[in-house]
N, C-alpha and C. Protein backbone atom coordinates (compact mmCIF):
# COMPACT_ATOMS: atom_id res chain seq x y z
N MET A 1 65.29 119.33 75.15
CA MET A 1 65.32 119.95 76.46
C MET A 1 64.16 119.46 77.33
N GLN A 2 62.95 119.35 76.77
CA GLN A 2 61.81 118.91 77.55
C GLN A 2 61.91 117.44 77.94
N ALA A 3 62.52 116.64 77.10
CA ALA A 3 62.68 115.22 77.42
C ALA A 3 63.55 115.04 78.65
N ARG A 4 64.58 115.86 78.77
CA ARG A 4 65.45 115.78 79.95
C ARG A 4 64.71 116.22 81.20
N ALA A 5 63.84 117.22 81.08
CA ALA A 5 63.07 117.69 82.23
C ALA A 5 62.09 116.62 82.69
N LYS A 6 61.50 115.89 81.76
CA LYS A 6 60.56 114.83 82.11
C LYS A 6 61.24 113.69 82.82
N GLU A 7 62.50 113.43 82.49
CA GLU A 7 63.23 112.34 83.12
C GLU A 7 63.48 112.62 84.60
N ARG A 8 63.54 113.88 84.99
CA ARG A 8 63.82 114.24 86.38
C ARG A 8 62.60 114.11 87.29
N ILE A 9 61.42 114.06 86.74
CA ILE A 9 60.20 113.94 87.54
C ILE A 9 60.08 112.49 88.01
N PRO A 10 59.99 112.27 89.32
CA PRO A 10 59.86 110.89 89.81
C PRO A 10 58.58 110.23 89.31
N GLN A 11 58.61 108.92 89.17
CA GLN A 11 57.45 108.20 88.67
C GLN A 11 56.26 108.29 89.62
N TRP A 12 56.51 108.29 90.92
CA TRP A 12 55.41 108.31 91.88
C TRP A 12 54.68 109.64 91.88
N PHE A 13 55.28 110.68 91.31
CA PHE A 13 54.66 112.00 91.30
C PHE A 13 53.33 111.99 90.54
N GLY A 14 53.22 111.15 89.52
CA GLY A 14 51.98 111.06 88.76
C GLY A 14 50.85 110.39 89.53
N LEU A 15 51.19 109.69 90.62
CA LEU A 15 50.17 109.01 91.41
C LEU A 15 49.47 109.93 92.40
N LEU A 16 50.07 111.08 92.70
CA LEU A 16 49.47 112.02 93.64
C LEU A 16 48.30 112.75 92.98
N PRO A 17 47.24 113.01 93.75
CA PRO A 17 46.12 113.78 93.18
C PRO A 17 46.56 115.22 92.92
N LYS A 18 45.89 115.85 92.02
CA LYS A 18 46.23 117.22 91.67
C LYS A 18 45.91 118.15 92.83
N ALA A 19 46.76 119.15 93.03
CA ALA A 19 46.62 120.06 94.16
C ALA A 19 45.31 120.84 94.11
N ASP A 20 44.86 121.24 92.93
CA ASP A 20 43.63 122.03 92.85
C ASP A 20 42.42 121.19 93.25
N VAL A 21 42.44 119.90 92.94
CA VAL A 21 41.34 119.01 93.33
C VAL A 21 41.33 118.84 94.84
N VAL A 22 42.49 118.59 95.42
CA VAL A 22 42.58 118.41 96.88
C VAL A 22 42.15 119.68 97.60
N MET A 23 42.59 120.84 97.12
CA MET A 23 42.23 122.09 97.78
C MET A 23 40.74 122.40 97.62
N GLY A 24 40.16 122.05 96.49
CA GLY A 24 38.73 122.25 96.30
C GLY A 24 37.90 121.38 97.23
N VAL A 25 38.29 120.13 97.35
CA VAL A 25 37.59 119.21 98.26
C VAL A 25 37.77 119.67 99.70
N ALA A 26 38.98 120.09 100.05
CA ALA A 26 39.24 120.55 101.42
C ALA A 26 38.44 121.81 101.74
N ALA A 27 38.35 122.74 100.81
CA ALA A 27 37.59 123.97 101.05
C ALA A 27 36.10 123.68 101.20
N THR A 28 35.58 122.79 100.36
CA THR A 28 34.17 122.41 100.46
C THR A 28 33.89 121.72 101.79
N SER A 29 34.77 120.82 102.16
CA SER A 29 34.59 120.10 103.42
C SER A 29 34.67 121.06 104.61
N LEU A 30 35.61 121.99 104.56
CA LEU A 30 35.73 122.97 105.64
C LEU A 30 34.47 123.81 105.75
N ALA A 31 33.92 124.24 104.63
CA ALA A 31 32.71 125.06 104.65
C ALA A 31 31.54 124.29 105.27
N ILE A 32 31.38 123.04 104.88
CA ILE A 32 30.29 122.23 105.44
C ILE A 32 30.51 121.99 106.93
N GLY A 33 31.76 121.69 107.31
CA GLY A 33 32.07 121.48 108.72
C GLY A 33 31.82 122.72 109.56
N LEU A 34 32.14 123.88 109.00
CA LEU A 34 31.90 125.13 109.74
C LEU A 34 30.41 125.42 109.87
N LEU A 35 29.63 125.09 108.84
CA LEU A 35 28.18 125.27 108.95
C LEU A 35 27.59 124.39 110.05
N ILE A 36 28.05 123.15 110.12
CA ILE A 36 27.59 122.26 111.17
C ILE A 36 28.05 122.78 112.53
N GLY A 37 29.28 123.29 112.59
CA GLY A 37 29.81 123.84 113.83
C GLY A 37 29.03 125.05 114.32
N VAL A 38 28.61 125.91 113.39
CA VAL A 38 27.82 127.09 113.77
C VAL A 38 26.49 126.65 114.37
N GLU A 39 25.88 125.65 113.76
CA GLU A 39 24.62 125.14 114.30
C GLU A 39 24.82 124.59 115.71
N ARG A 40 25.90 123.84 115.92
CA ARG A 40 26.19 123.29 117.25
C ARG A 40 26.47 124.38 118.27
N GLU A 41 27.18 125.43 117.83
CA GLU A 41 27.45 126.55 118.74
C GLU A 41 26.16 127.22 119.17
N ARG A 42 25.21 127.36 118.24
CA ARG A 42 23.93 127.99 118.58
C ARG A 42 23.15 127.17 119.59
N LYS A 43 23.30 125.84 119.53
CA LYS A 43 22.62 124.96 120.48
C LYS A 43 23.43 124.77 121.77
N ALA A 44 24.55 125.47 121.89
CA ALA A 44 25.43 125.42 123.06
C ALA A 44 25.96 124.02 123.32
N ASP A 45 26.29 123.30 122.26
CA ASP A 45 26.90 121.98 122.39
C ASP A 45 28.40 122.17 122.59
N SER A 46 29.03 121.23 123.30
CA SER A 46 30.46 121.37 123.58
C SER A 46 31.31 121.20 122.33
N ARG A 47 30.84 120.42 121.38
CA ARG A 47 31.57 120.26 120.12
C ARG A 47 31.02 121.30 119.15
N GLY A 48 31.81 122.34 118.91
CA GLY A 48 31.28 123.45 118.12
C GLY A 48 32.06 123.73 116.86
N LEU A 49 32.19 125.02 116.60
CA LEU A 49 32.73 125.52 115.35
C LEU A 49 34.14 125.02 115.07
N ARG A 50 35.05 125.20 115.99
CA ARG A 50 36.44 124.81 115.75
C ARG A 50 36.60 123.32 115.59
N THR A 51 35.89 122.55 116.41
CA THR A 51 36.02 121.10 116.35
C THR A 51 35.55 120.54 115.02
N PHE A 52 34.37 120.93 114.60
CA PHE A 52 33.83 120.41 113.34
C PHE A 52 34.63 120.92 112.15
N GLY A 53 35.08 122.17 112.18
CA GLY A 53 35.90 122.70 111.10
C GLY A 53 37.21 121.95 110.95
N LEU A 54 37.89 121.72 112.07
CA LEU A 54 39.18 121.03 112.05
C LEU A 54 39.03 119.58 111.63
N VAL A 55 38.05 118.89 112.18
CA VAL A 55 37.86 117.47 111.86
C VAL A 55 37.49 117.30 110.39
N SER A 56 36.62 118.14 109.87
CA SER A 56 36.22 118.00 108.47
C SER A 56 37.37 118.34 107.53
N LEU A 57 38.17 119.35 107.86
CA LEU A 57 39.31 119.72 107.02
C LEU A 57 40.36 118.61 107.01
N LEU A 58 40.72 118.09 108.16
CA LEU A 58 41.72 117.02 108.23
C LEU A 58 41.22 115.75 107.56
N GLY A 59 39.96 115.44 107.72
CA GLY A 59 39.40 114.26 107.07
C GLY A 59 39.45 114.37 105.55
N ALA A 60 39.14 115.55 105.04
CA ALA A 60 39.19 115.74 103.59
C ALA A 60 40.61 115.67 103.06
N LEU A 61 41.57 116.24 103.80
CA LEU A 61 42.96 116.20 103.35
C LEU A 61 43.51 114.77 103.36
N VAL A 62 43.21 114.04 104.41
CA VAL A 62 43.69 112.64 104.47
C VAL A 62 43.06 111.82 103.36
N ALA A 63 41.77 111.98 103.16
CA ALA A 63 41.09 111.24 102.10
C ALA A 63 41.59 111.65 100.71
N GLY A 64 41.87 112.93 100.54
CA GLY A 64 42.35 113.42 99.26
C GLY A 64 43.76 112.93 98.94
N LEU A 65 44.61 112.88 99.95
CA LEU A 65 45.98 112.41 99.73
C LEU A 65 46.03 110.89 99.59
N ASP A 66 45.04 110.22 100.13
CA ASP A 66 45.02 108.76 100.06
C ASP A 66 44.52 108.27 98.72
N ARG A 67 43.76 109.12 98.03
CA ARG A 67 43.21 108.74 96.73
C ARG A 67 44.30 108.60 95.69
N SER A 68 44.17 107.63 94.83
CA SER A 68 45.10 107.54 93.72
C SER A 68 44.35 107.82 92.43
N ASN A 69 45.08 108.27 91.43
CA ASN A 69 44.44 108.64 90.16
C ASN A 69 44.01 107.45 89.40
């Protein structure tokens, strides 16, 4: 039964990074980006909390999905 289930999994599926690793990297990146954004908001810079949070999160997700095992 398990052999048949393994046959249904596409070969490229093993090349994707694990979801828990990608989510961990994304959460860490978001936290760091938000800390930088808070500092920028305090200095009244135009690029603040939302900008740095979004850019750091998207950058981590793209980098995480681009990585191969």
